[in-house]
Protein backbone atom coordinates (compact mmCIF):
# COMPACT_ATOMS: atom_id res chain seq x y z
CA MET A 1 -29.14 6.75 16.34
CA GLU A 2 -28.28 10.30 16.43
CA ILE A 3 -25.49 11.29 18.23
CA LYS A 4 -26.88 13.36 21.41
CA ASP A 5 -29.39 10.20 21.77
CA LEU A 6 -26.19 8.01 22.07
CA LYS A 7 -24.14 10.24 24.35
CA GLU A 8 -27.13 10.26 26.47
CA LEU A 9 -27.74 6.59 26.21
CA LEU A 10 -24.23 6.21 26.94
CA ARG A 11 -24.11 8.31 30.15
CA SER A 12 -27.37 6.57 31.67
CA LEU A 13 -25.91 2.83 31.52
CA ALA A 14 -22.78 4.39 32.95
CA LYS A 15 -24.53 5.92 35.89
CA GLU A 16 -26.77 2.90 36.40
CA GLU A 17 -23.56 0.65 36.17
CA LYS A 18 -25.24 -1.62 33.74
CA LEU A 19 -22.04 -2.52 32.27
CA LEU A 20 -23.40 -5.59 29.91
CA GLU A 21 -25.96 -3.36 27.85
CA LEU A 22 -23.23 -0.98 27.86
CA LYS A 23 -20.78 -3.00 26.04
CA GLU A 24 -23.44 -4.16 23.77
CA LEU A 25 -24.41 -0.95 22.79
CA LEU A 26 -20.69 0.09 22.29
CA ASP A 27 -20.58 -3.24 19.99
CA SER A 28 -23.34 -2.37 18.09
CA GLN A 29 -22.20 1.45 17.11
CA TYR A 30 -19.92 2.53 14.13
CA SER A 31 -16.41 4.06 15.34
CA VAL A 32 -17.18 7.32 14.45
CA ASP A 33 -20.55 7.36 16.30
CA ILE A 34 -18.85 6.23 19.18
CA SER A 35 -15.82 8.54 19.07
CA ALA A 36 -18.64 11.76 18.20
CA ALA A 37 -20.43 10.20 21.69
CA LEU A 38 -17.27 10.36 23.76
CA ASP A 39 -16.20 13.78 22.64
CA GLU A 40 -16.33 15.93 25.95
CA ILE A 41 -17.77 13.27 28.33
CA GLU A 42 -16.52 13.28 31.52
CA LEU A 43 -13.46 11.40 32.69
CA GLU A 44 -15.08 9.13 34.91
CA GLU A 45 -16.95 7.76 32.07
CA LEU A 46 -14.56 7.85 29.41
CA ILE A 47 -12.58 5.40 31.28
CA LEU A 48 -15.22 3.27 32.37
CA PHE A 49 -15.71 3.15 28.42
CA ILE A 50 -11.94 2.68 27.51
CA ASN A 51 -11.90 -0.47 30.36
CA LEU A 52 -15.02 -1.92 28.21
CA LEU A 53 -13.06 -1.86 24.88
CA THR A 54 -10.59 -4.20 23.34
CA PRO A 55 -7.47 -2.63 21.58
CA VAL A 56 -8.57 -3.44 18.09
CA GLU A 57 -12.05 -0.85 19.50
CA ILE A 58 -10.25 1.54 21.02
CA ALA A 59 -7.77 2.13 17.81
CA SER A 60 -10.72 2.17 15.87
CA ILE A 61 -12.12 5.13 17.79
CA ILE A 62 -8.87 6.96 17.81
CA GLU A 63 -8.74 6.98 14.34
CA GLU A 64 -11.82 8.53 14.04
CA SER A 65 -11.37 11.14 16.96
CA ASN A 66 -10.40 14.49 17.47
CA GLU A 67 -6.85 15.34 18.79
CA GLU A 68 -8.32 15.99 22.38
CA LEU A 69 -9.98 12.99 22.43
CA GLN A 70 -7.01 11.27 21.09
CA LYS A 71 -4.88 12.19 23.61
CA ARG A 72 -7.55 12.05 26.78
CA ILE A 73 -7.51 7.93 25.50
CA LEU A 74 -3.98 7.35 25.16
CA ASP A 75 -3.47 9.29 28.69
CA LEU A 76 -5.99 6.60 30.03
CA ILE A 77 -4.21 3.29 28.77
CA ASP A 78 -1.18 1.81 29.98
CA ILE A 79 1.91 1.02 27.60
CA SER A 80 1.13 -2.51 27.07
CA VAL A 81 -2.65 -1.42 26.04
CA ALA A 82 -1.13 1.67 23.85
CA ILE A 83 1.56 -1.35 22.05
CA GLN A 84 -1.15 -3.38 21.01
CA VAL A 85 -3.77 -0.37 19.93
CA PHE A 86 -1.15 0.81 17.91
CA SER A 87 -0.49 -2.45 16.27
CA ASN A 88 -4.09 -2.17 15.20
CA MET A 89 -3.49 0.79 13.12
CA SER A 90 -1.93 2.03 9.94
CA THR A 91 1.88 3.35 10.54
CA ASP A 92 0.43 6.79 8.90
CA ASP A 93 -2.17 6.90 11.50
CA ILE A 94 0.25 6.06 14.39
CA ALA A 95 2.77 8.92 13.06
CA ASP A 96 0.02 11.69 13.24
CA LEU A 97 -0.39 10.60 16.41
CA LEU A 98 2.66 10.77 17.88
CA GLY A 99 2.88 14.21 15.94
CA ILE A 100 -0.23 15.42 18.13
CA LEU A 101 0.86 13.80 21.26
CA TYR A 102 4.34 16.01 20.68
CA LYS A 103 2.83 19.05 19.77
CA LEU A 104 0.10 18.84 22.74
CA ASN A 105 2.74 17.86 25.36
């Protein structure tokens, strides 16, 4: 599935509040594709998608995301989820991410 099609399908399912289908779609896609589809997505939709994902899935998506999306995602999760996300990332990725957060603040 092309990224544009994935983004449109994600938005459609979110708008229709078809959460089960949305979760199944997210589960069936590669993290890099989800990351590309979530880039530049509206805040309300991003919140919905992040709330459907496990910390392991969030970590995988963050690792594939650009700096701006990484910051947007981390701004949406509370510290307990962030700790779980970081526990599923390599120390190099965590260091890079903390450097990005420091630079952007």
